[in-house]
Amino acid sequence: MSTALIDPLLVARVVGEVIDIFAPTVKMNVTCSLSNKHVCNGHLTLPSVIADKTPVGVGDHDSRAAYELYDIFAIVSRLDLY
């Protein structure tokens, strides 16, 4: 049996039902500052762990590029997925 990486947003039907299907074009990295732990889509993180500002890295070090970061937590929580 083949083990393929499946995007949790697709499994939870956020992509396709809530937002249109898209292909990521830049790399995004989120790291919790207290535990220095990498955070992935679909992982539940306790509020006490992310009480401080969490660094988010988007794209590379090209200062000419501009990105928009959207918070879909409110949408996902309304879908009662957790």
PDB file of N, CA and C in Angstrom:
ATOM      1  N   MET A   1       0.837  -1.178   0.000  1.00  0.00           N
ATOM      2  CA  MET A   1       0.000   0.000   0.000  1.00  0.00           C
ATOM      3  C   MET A   1       0.881   1.240   0.000  1.00  0.00           C
ATOM      4  N   SER A   2       0.560   2.174  -0.818  1.00  0.00           N
ATOM      5  CA  SER A   2       1.316   3.416  -0.937  1.00  0.00           C
ATOM      6  C   SER A   2       0.902   4.393   0.155  1.00  0.00           C
ATOM      7  N   THR A   3       1.888   5.035   0.770  1.00  0.00           N
ATOM      8  CA  THR A   3       1.585   6.056   1.768  1.00  0.00           C
ATOM      9  C   THR A   3       1.886   7.410   1.156  1.00  0.00           C
ATOM     10  N   ALA A   4       0.858   8.160   0.879  1.00  0.00           N
ATOM     11  CA  ALA A   4       1.012   9.484   0.283  1.00  0.00           C
ATOM     12  C   ALA A   4       0.694  10.540   1.329  1.00  0.00           C
ATOM     13  N   LEU A   5       1.364  11.659   1.235  1.00  0.00           N
ATOM     14  CA  LEU A   5       1.059  12.765   2.130  1.00  0.00           C
ATOM     15  C   LEU A   5      -0.233  13.425   1.677  1.00  0.00           C
ATOM     16  N   ILE A   6      -1.175  13.549   2.585  1.00  0.00           N
ATOM     17  CA  ILE A   6      -2.463  14.147   2.268  1.00  0.00           C
ATOM     18  C   ILE A   6      -2.619  15.408   3.103  1.00  0.00           C
ATOM     19  N   ASP A   7      -2.988  16.497   2.460  1.00  0.00           N
ATOM     20  CA  ASP A   7      -3.171  17.770   3.140  1.00  0.00           C
ATOM     21  C   ASP A   7      -4.377  17.684   4.075  1.00  0.00           C
ATOM     22  N   PRO A   8      -4.193  17.985   5.375  1.00  0.00           N
ATOM     23  CA  PRO A   8      -5.309  17.918   6.323  1.00  0.00           C
ATOM     24  C   PRO A   8      -6.468  18.835   5.949  1.00  0.00           C
ATOM     25  N   LEU A   9      -6.183  19.936   5.262  1.00  0.00           N
ATOM     26  CA  LEU A   9      -7.267  20.833   4.857  1.00  0.00           C
ATOM     27  C   LEU A   9      -8.148  20.191   3.793  1.00  0.00           C
ATOM     28  N   LEU A  10      -7.581  19.294   2.999  1.00  0.00           N
ATOM     29  CA  LEU A  10      -8.385  18.553   2.024  1.00  0.00           C
ATOM     30  C   LEU A  10      -9.206  17.468   2.709  1.00  0.00           C
ATOM     31  N   VAL A  11      -8.595  16.774   3.645  1.00  0.00           N
ATOM     32  CA  VAL A  11      -9.292  15.710   4.366  1.00  0.00           C
ATOM     33  C   VAL A  11     -10.471  16.279   5.147  1.00  0.00           C
ATOM     34  N   ALA A  12     -10.279  17.437   5.765  1.00  0.00           N
ATOM     35  CA  ALA A  12     -11.329  18.062   6.569  1.00  0.00           C
ATOM     36  C   ALA A  12     -12.339  18.820   5.713  1.00  0.00           C
ATOM     37  N   ARG A  13     -12.163  18.780   4.416  1.00  0.00           N
ATOM     38  CA  ARG A  13     -13.048  19.420   3.444  1.00  0.00           C
ATOM     39  C   ARG A  13     -13.100  20.945   3.596  1.00  0.00           C
ATOM     40  N   VAL A  14     -12.054  21.541   4.172  1.00  0.00           N
ATOM     41  CA  VAL A  14     -11.978  23.003   4.220  1.00  0.00           C
ATOM     42  C   VAL A  14     -11.705  23.512   2.813  1.00  0.00           C
ATOM     43  N   VAL A  15     -10.717  22.902   2.155  1.00  0.00           N
ATOM     44  CA  VAL A  15     -10.427  23.253   0.768  1.00  0.00           C
ATOM     45  C   VAL A  15     -11.426  22.505  -0.101  1.00  0.00           C
ATOM     46  N   GLY A  16     -12.123  23.236  -0.901  1.00  0.00           N
ATOM     47  CA  GLY A  16     -13.127  22.650  -1.775  1.00  0.00           C
ATOM     48  C   GLY A  16     -14.532  23.049  -1.377  1.00  0.00           C
ATOM     49  N   GLU A  17     -14.818  23.076  -0.058  1.00  0.00           N
ATOM     50  CA  GLU A  17     -16.139  23.481   0.406  1.00  0.00           C
ATOM     51  C   GLU A  17     -16.137  24.900   0.962  1.00  0.00           C
ATOM     52  N   VAL A  18     -15.113  25.245   1.739  1.00  0.00           N
ATOM     53  CA  VAL A  18     -15.051  26.573   2.359  1.00  0.00           C
ATOM     54  C   VAL A  18     -14.270  27.539   1.487  1.00  0.00           C
ATOM     55  N   ILE A  19     -13.131  27.115   1.008  1.00  0.00           N
ATOM     56  CA  ILE A  19     -12.321  27.935   0.104  1.00  0.00           C
ATOM     57  C   ILE A  19     -12.063  27.138  -1.171  1.00  0.00           C
ATOM     58  N   ASP A  20     -11.777  27.849  -2.233  1.00  0.00           N
ATOM     59  CA  ASP A  20     -11.514  27.192  -3.512  1.00  0.00           C
ATOM     60  C   ASP A  20     -10.209  26.403  -3.451  1.00  0.00           C
ATOM     61  N   ILE A  21     -10.135  25.373  -4.261  1.00  0.00           N
ATOM     62  CA  ILE A  21      -8.918  24.571  -4.348  1.00  0.00           C
ATOM     63  C   ILE A  21      -7.780  25.449  -4.864  1.00  0.00           C
ATOM     64  N   PHE A  22      -6.611  25.304  -4.262  1.00  0.00           N
ATOM     65  CA  PHE A  22      -5.463  26.117  -4.645  1.00  0.00           C
ATOM     66  C   PHE A  22      -4.209  25.269  -4.585  1.00  0.00           C
ATOM     67  N   ALA A  23      -3.192  25.722  -5.264  1.00  0.00           N
ATOM     68  CA  ALA A  23      -1.882  25.072  -5.216  1.00  0.00           C
ATOM     69  C   ALA A  23      -0.921  26.012  -4.501  1.00  0.00           C
ATOM     70  N   PRO A  24      -0.363  25.602  -3.350  1.00  0.00           N
ATOM     71  CA  PRO A  24       0.589  26.457  -2.645  1.00  0.00           C
ATOM     72  C   PRO A  24       1.779  26.789  -3.542  1.00  0.00           C
ATOM     73  N   THR A  25       2.168  28.048  -3.551  1.00  0.00           N
ATOM     74  CA  THR A  25       3.283  28.469  -4.398  1.00  0.00           C
ATOM     75  C   THR A  25       4.499  28.917  -3.603  1.00  0.00           C
ATOM     76  N   VAL A  26       4.346  29.085  -2.285  1.00  0.00           N
ATOM     77  CA  VAL A  26       5.476  29.461  -1.438  1.00  0.00           C
ATOM     78  C   VAL A  26       5.499  28.553  -0.217  1.00  0.00           C
ATOM     79  N   LYS A  27       6.650  28.449   0.383  1.00  0.00           N
ATOM     80  CA  LYS A  27       6.810  27.644   1.587  1.00  0.00           C
ATOM     81  C   LYS A  27       6.470  28.490   2.810  1.00  0.00           C
ATOM     82  N   MET A  28       5.698  27.931   3.749  1.00  0.00           N
ATOM     83  CA  MET A  28       5.374  28.630   4.990  1.00  0.00           C
ATOM     84  C   MET A  28       5.825  27.770   6.154  1.00  0.00           C
ATOM     85  N   ASN A  29       6.452  28.393   7.143  1.00  0.00           N
ATOM     86  CA  ASN A  29       6.977  27.677   8.288  1.00  0.00           C
ATOM     87  C   ASN A  29       6.506  28.362   9.563  1.00  0.00           C
ATOM     88  N   VAL A  30       5.861  27.620  10.461  1.00  0.00           N
ATOM     89  CA  VAL A  30       5.409  28.158  11.745  1.00  0.00           C
ATOM     90  C   VAL A  30       6.092  27.365  12.842  1.00  0.00           C
ATOM     91  N   THR A  31       6.708  28.073  13.802  1.00  0.00           N
ATOM     92  CA  THR A  31       7.412  27.426  14.899  1.00  0.00           C
ATOM     93  C   THR A  31       6.944  28.011  16.217  1.00  0.00           C
ATOM     94  N   CYS A  32       6.562  27.150  17.171  1.00  0.00           N
ATOM     95  CA  CYS A  32       6.186  27.627  18.506  1.00  0.00           C
ATOM     96  C   CYS A  32       7.440  28.091  19.218  1.00  0.00           C
ATOM     97  N   SER A  33       7.383  29.284  19.802  1.00  0.00           N
ATOM     98  CA  SER A  33       8.579  29.859  20.403  1.00  0.00           C
ATOM     99  C   SER A  33       8.975  29.173  21.710  1.00  0.00           C
ATOM    100  N   LEU A  34       8.016  28.651  22.481  1.00  0.00           N
ATOM    101  CA  LEU A  34       8.358  28.034  23.759  1.00  0.00           C
ATOM    102  C   LEU A  34       9.028  26.673  23.584  1.00  0.00           C
ATOM    103  N   SER A  35       8.460  25.844  22.746  1.00  0.00           N
ATOM    104  CA  SER A  35       8.984  24.484  22.595  1.00  0.00           C
ATOM    105  C   SER A  35       9.897  24.336  21.383  1.00  0.00           C
ATOM    106  N   ASN A  36      10.008  25.389  20.586  1.00  0.00           N
ATOM    107  CA  ASN A  36      10.790  25.349  19.349  1.00  0.00           C
ATOM    108  C   ASN A  36      10.330  24.191  18.466  1.00  0.00           C
ATOM    109  N   LYS A  37       9.014  23.958  18.463  1.00  0.00           N
ATOM    110  CA  LYS A  37       8.415  22.843  17.730  1.00  0.00           C
ATOM    111  C   LYS A  37       7.767  23.355  16.452  1.00  0.00           C
ATOM    112  N   HIS A  38       8.009  22.653  15.359  1.00  0.00           N
ATOM    113  CA  HIS A  38       7.410  23.009  14.073  1.00  0.00           C
ATOM    114  C   HIS A  38       5.930  22.653  14.099  1.00  0.00           C
ATOM    115  N   VAL A  39       5.076  23.553  13.618  1.00  0.00           N
ATOM    116  CA  VAL A  39       3.631  23.354  13.617  1.00  0.00           C
ATOM    117  C   VAL A  39       3.175  23.076  12.191  1.00  0.00           C
ATOM    118  N   CYS A  40       2.338  22.069  12.010  1.00  0.00           N
ATOM    119  CA  CYS A  40       1.815  21.706  10.695  1.00  0.00           C
ATOM    120  C   CYS A  40       0.312  21.925  10.650  1.00  0.00           C
ATOM    121  N   ASN A  41      -0.241  22.018   9.448  1.00  0.00           N
ATOM    122  CA  ASN A  41      -1.691  22.097   9.299  1.00  0.00           C
ATOM    123  C   ASN A  41      -2.332  20.875   9.928  1.00  0.00           C
ATOM    124  N   GLY A  42      -3.457  21.095  10.582  1.00  0.00           N
ATOM    125  CA  GLY A  42      -4.202  19.989  11.146  1.00  0.00           C
ATOM    126  C   GLY A  42      -3.772  19.587  12.537  1.00  0.00           C
ATOM    127  N   HIS A  43      -2.725  20.200  13.077  1.00  0.00           N
ATOM    128  CA  HIS A  43      -2.291  19.878  14.428  1.00  0.00           C
ATOM    129  C   HIS A  43      -2.962  20.814  15.416  1.00  0.00           C
ATOM    130  N   LEU A  44      -3.465  20.252  16.496  1.00  0.00           N
ATOM    131  CA  LEU A  44      -4.081  21.044  17.549  1.00  0.00           C
ATOM    132  C   LEU A  44      -2.994  21.502  18.505  1.00  0.00           C
ATOM    133  N   THR A  45      -2.933  22.796  18.775  1.00  0.00           N
ATOM    134  CA  THR A  45      -1.939  23.357  19.677  1.00  0.00           C
ATOM    135  C   THR A  45      -2.660  24.059  20.812  1.00  0.00           C
ATOM    136  N   LEU A  46      -2.250  23.793  22.036  1.00  0.00           N
ATOM    137  CA  LEU A  46      -2.884  24.402  23.201  1.00  0.00           C
ATOM    138  C   LEU A  46      -2.582  25.894  23.257  1.00  0.00           C
ATOM    139  N   PRO A  47      -3.558  26.708  23.700  1.00  0.00           N
ATOM    140  CA  PRO A  47      -3.331  28.158  23.792  1.00  0.00           C
ATOM    141  C   PRO A  47      -2.160  28.521  24.699  1.00  0.00           C
ATOM    142  N   SER A  48      -1.915  27.741  25.754  1.00  0.00           N
ATOM    143  CA  SER A  48      -0.810  28.048  26.663  1.00  0.00           C
ATOM    144  C   SER A  48       0.545  27.932  25.973  1.00  0.00           C
ATOM    145  N   VAL A  49       0.626  27.101  24.954  1.00  0.00           N
ATOM    146  CA  VAL A  49       1.884  26.925  24.226  1.00  0.00           C
ATOM    147  C   VAL A  49       2.142  28.103  23.301  1.00  0.00           C
ATOM    148  N   ILE A  50       1.089  28.689  22.773  1.00  0.00           N
ATOM    149  CA  ILE A  50       1.257  29.783  21.815  1.00  0.00           C
ATOM    150  C   ILE A  50       0.802  31.122  22.385  1.00  0.00           C
ATOM    151  N   ALA A  51       0.925  31.288  23.710  1.00  0.00           N
ATOM    152  CA  ALA A  51       0.524  32.536  24.349  1.00  0.00           C
ATOM    153  C   ALA A  51       1.393  33.703  23.877  1.00  0.00           C
ATOM    154  N   ASP A  52       2.661  33.437  23.621  1.00  0.00           N
ATOM    155  CA  ASP A  52       3.548  34.478  23.103  1.00  0.00           C
ATOM    156  C   ASP A  52       3.419  34.542  21.592  1.00  0.00           C
ATOM    157  N   LYS A  53       3.944  35.611  21.016  1.00  0.00           N
ATOM    158  CA  LYS A  53       3.917  35.739  19.559  1.00  0.00           C
ATOM    159  C   LYS A  53       4.702  34.594  18.932  1.00  0.00           C
ATOM    160  N   THR A  54       4.104  33.986  17.939  1.00  0.00           N
ATOM    161  CA  THR A  54       4.713  32.850  17.261  1.00  0.00           C
ATOM    162  C   THR A  54       5.332  33.313  15.951  1.00  0.00           C
ATOM    163  N   PRO A  55       6.623  33.033  15.732  1.00  0.00           N
ATOM    164  CA  PRO A  55       7.242  33.443  14.473  1.00  0.00           C
ATOM    165  C   PRO A  55       6.710  32.634  13.293  1.00  0.00           C
ATOM    166  N   VAL A  56       6.428  33.330  12.219  1.00  0.00           N
ATOM    167  CA  VAL A  56       5.939  32.698  10.997  1.00  0.00           C
ATOM    168  C   VAL A  56       6.868  33.100   9.866  1.00  0.00           C
ATOM    169  N   GLY A  57       7.418  32.118   9.184  1.00  0.00           N
ATOM    170  CA  GLY A  57       8.268  32.387   8.031  1.00  0.00           C
ATOM    171  C   GLY A  57       7.517  32.057   6.758  1.00  0.00           C
ATOM    172  N   VAL A  58       7.417  33.018   5.853  1.00  0.00           N
ATOM    173  CA  VAL A  58       6.707  32.807   4.595  1.00  0.00           C
ATOM    174  C   VAL A  58       7.661  33.097   3.448  1.00  0.00           C
ATOM    175  N   GLY A  59       7.789  32.137   2.539  1.00  0.00           N
ATOM    176  CA  GLY A  59       8.634  32.344   1.368  1.00  0.00           C
ATOM    177  C   GLY A  59      10.103  32.305   1.704  1.00  0.00           C
ATOM    178  N   ASP A  60      10.886  32.966   0.874  1.00  0.00           N
ATOM    179  CA  ASP A  60      12.318  33.008   1.098  1.00  0.00           C
ATOM    180  C   ASP A  60      12.708  34.404   1.579  1.00  0.00           C
ATOM    181  N   HIS A  61      13.942  34.754   1.420  1.00  0.00           N
ATOM    182  CA  HIS A  61      14.435  36.035   1.929  1.00  0.00           C
ATOM    183  C   HIS A  61      14.391  37.147   0.887  1.00  0.00           C
ATOM    184  N   ASP A  62      13.538  37.029  -0.093  1.00  0.00           N
ATOM    185  CA  ASP A  62      13.401  38.051  -1.127  1.00  0.00           C
ATOM    186  C   ASP A  62      12.487  39.156  -0.611  1.00  0.00           C
ATOM    187  N   SER A  63      13.043  40.316  -0.332  1.00  0.00           N
ATOM    188  CA  SER A  63      12.256  41.409   0.248  1.00  0.00           C
ATOM    189  C   SER A  63      11.339  42.080  -0.774  1.00  0.00           C
ATOM    190  N   ARG A  64      11.458  41.723  -2.040  1.00  0.00           N
ATOM    191  CA  ARG A  64      10.593  42.313  -3.066  1.00  0.00           C
ATOM    192  C   ARG A  64       9.232  41.634  -3.127  1.00  0.00           C
ATOM    193  N   ALA A  65       9.118  40.443  -2.568  1.00  0.00           N
ATOM    194  CA  ALA A  65       7.863  39.685  -2.632  1.00  0.00           C
ATOM    195  C   ALA A  65       6.931  40.096  -1.495  1.00  0.00           C
ATOM    196  N   ALA A  66       5.645  40.105  -1.775  1.00  0.00           N
ATOM    197  CA  ALA A  66       4.633  40.410  -0.761  1.00  0.00           C
ATOM    198  C   ALA A  66       3.667  39.235  -0.671  1.00  0.00           C
ATOM    199  N   TYR A  67       3.264  38.896   0.538  1.00  0.00           N
ATOM    200  CA  TYR A  67       2.369  37.763   0.758  1.00  0.00           C
ATOM    201  C   TYR A  67       1.216  38.190   1.650  1.00  0.00           C
ATOM    202  N   GLU A  68       0.096  37.504   1.519  1.00  0.00           N
ATOM    203  CA  GLU A  68      -1.044  37.701   2.410  1.00  0.00           C
ATOM    204  C   GLU A  68      -1.275  36.409   3.165  1.00  0.00           C
ATOM    205  N   LEU A  69      -1.459  36.516   4.469  1.00  0.00           N
ATOM    206  CA  LEU A  69      -1.691  35.354   5.313  1.00  0.00           C
ATOM    207  C   LEU A  69      -3.108  35.445   5.865  1.00  0.00           C
ATOM    208  N   TYR A  70      -3.919  34.432   5.606  1.00  0.00           N
ATOM    209  CA  TYR A  70      -5.314  34.429   6.037  1.00  0.00           C
ATOM    210  C   TYR A  70      -5.500  33.466   7.199  1.00  0.00           C
ATOM    211  N   ASP A  71      -6.317  33.873   8.150  1.00  0.00           N
ATOM    212  CA  ASP A  71      -6.648  33.027   9.293  1.00  0.00           C
ATOM    213  C   ASP A  71      -7.995  32.376   9.027  1.00  0.00           C
ATOM    214  N   ILE A  72      -7.992  31.066   8.859  1.00  0.00           N
ATOM    215  CA  ILE A  72      -9.262  30.389   8.588  1.00  0.00           C
ATOM    216  C   ILE A  72      -9.756  29.628   9.811  1.00  0.00           C
ATOM    217  N   PHE A  73      -9.184  29.905  10.986  1.00  0.00           N
ATOM    218  CA  PHE A  73      -9.600  29.197  12.192  1.00  0.00           C
ATOM    219  C   PHE A  73     -11.074  29.414  12.491  1.00  0.00           C
ATOM    220  N   ALA A  74     -11.546  30.644  12.338  1.00  0.00           N
ATOM    221  CA  ALA A  74     -12.957  30.934  12.619  1.00  0.00           C
ATOM    222  C   ALA A  74     -13.867  30.139  11.688  1.00  0.00           C
ATOM    223  N   ILE A  75     -13.474  29.996  10.454  1.00  0.00           N
ATOM    224  CA  ILE A  75     -14.267  29.224   9.492  1.00  0.00           C
ATOM    225  C   ILE A  75     -14.253  27.749   9.870  1.00  0.00           C
ATOM    226  N   VAL A  76     -13.085  27.230  10.195  1.00  0.00           N
ATOM    227  CA  VAL A  76     -12.963  25.815  10.534  1.00  0.00           C
ATOM    228  C   VAL A  76     -13.721  25.497  11.811  1.00  0.00           C
ATOM    229  N   SER A  77     -13.651  26.375  12.812  1.00  0.00           N
ATOM    230  CA  SER A  77     -14.339  26.095  14.070  1.00  0.00           C
ATOM    231  C   SER A  77     -15.850  26.075  13.878  1.00  0.00           C
ATOM    232  N   ARG A  78     -16.372  26.835  12.931  1.00  0.00           N
ATOM    233  CA  ARG A  78     -17.805  26.809  12.656  1.00  0.00           C
ATOM    234  C   ARG A  78     -18.230  25.509  11.985  1.00  0.00           C
ATOM    235  N   LEU A  79     -17.290  24.846  11.337  1.00  0.00           N
ATOM    236  CA  LEU A  79     -17.610  23.581  10.678  1.00  0.00           C
ATOM    237  C   LEU A  79     -17.640  22.411  11.656  1.00  0.00           C
ATOM    238  N   ASP A  80     -17.238  22.670  12.899  1.00  0.00           N
ATOM    239  CA  ASP A  80     -17.275  21.648  13.939  1.00  0.00           C
ATOM    240  C   ASP A  80     -16.413  20.447  13.576  1.00  0.00           C
ATOM    241  N   LEU A  81     -15.195  20.713  13.122  1.00  0.00           N
ATOM    242  CA  LEU A  81     -14.312  19.633  12.690  1.00  0.00           C
ATOM    243  C   LEU A  81     -13.501  19.044  13.829  1.00  0.00           C
ATOM    244  N   TYR A  82     -13.411  19.747  14.916  1.00  0.00           N
ATOM    245  CA  TYR A  82     -12.564  19.259  16.008  1.00  0.00           C
ATOM    246  C   TYR A  82     -13.404  18.508  16.964  1.00  0.00           C
TER     247      TYR A  82
END
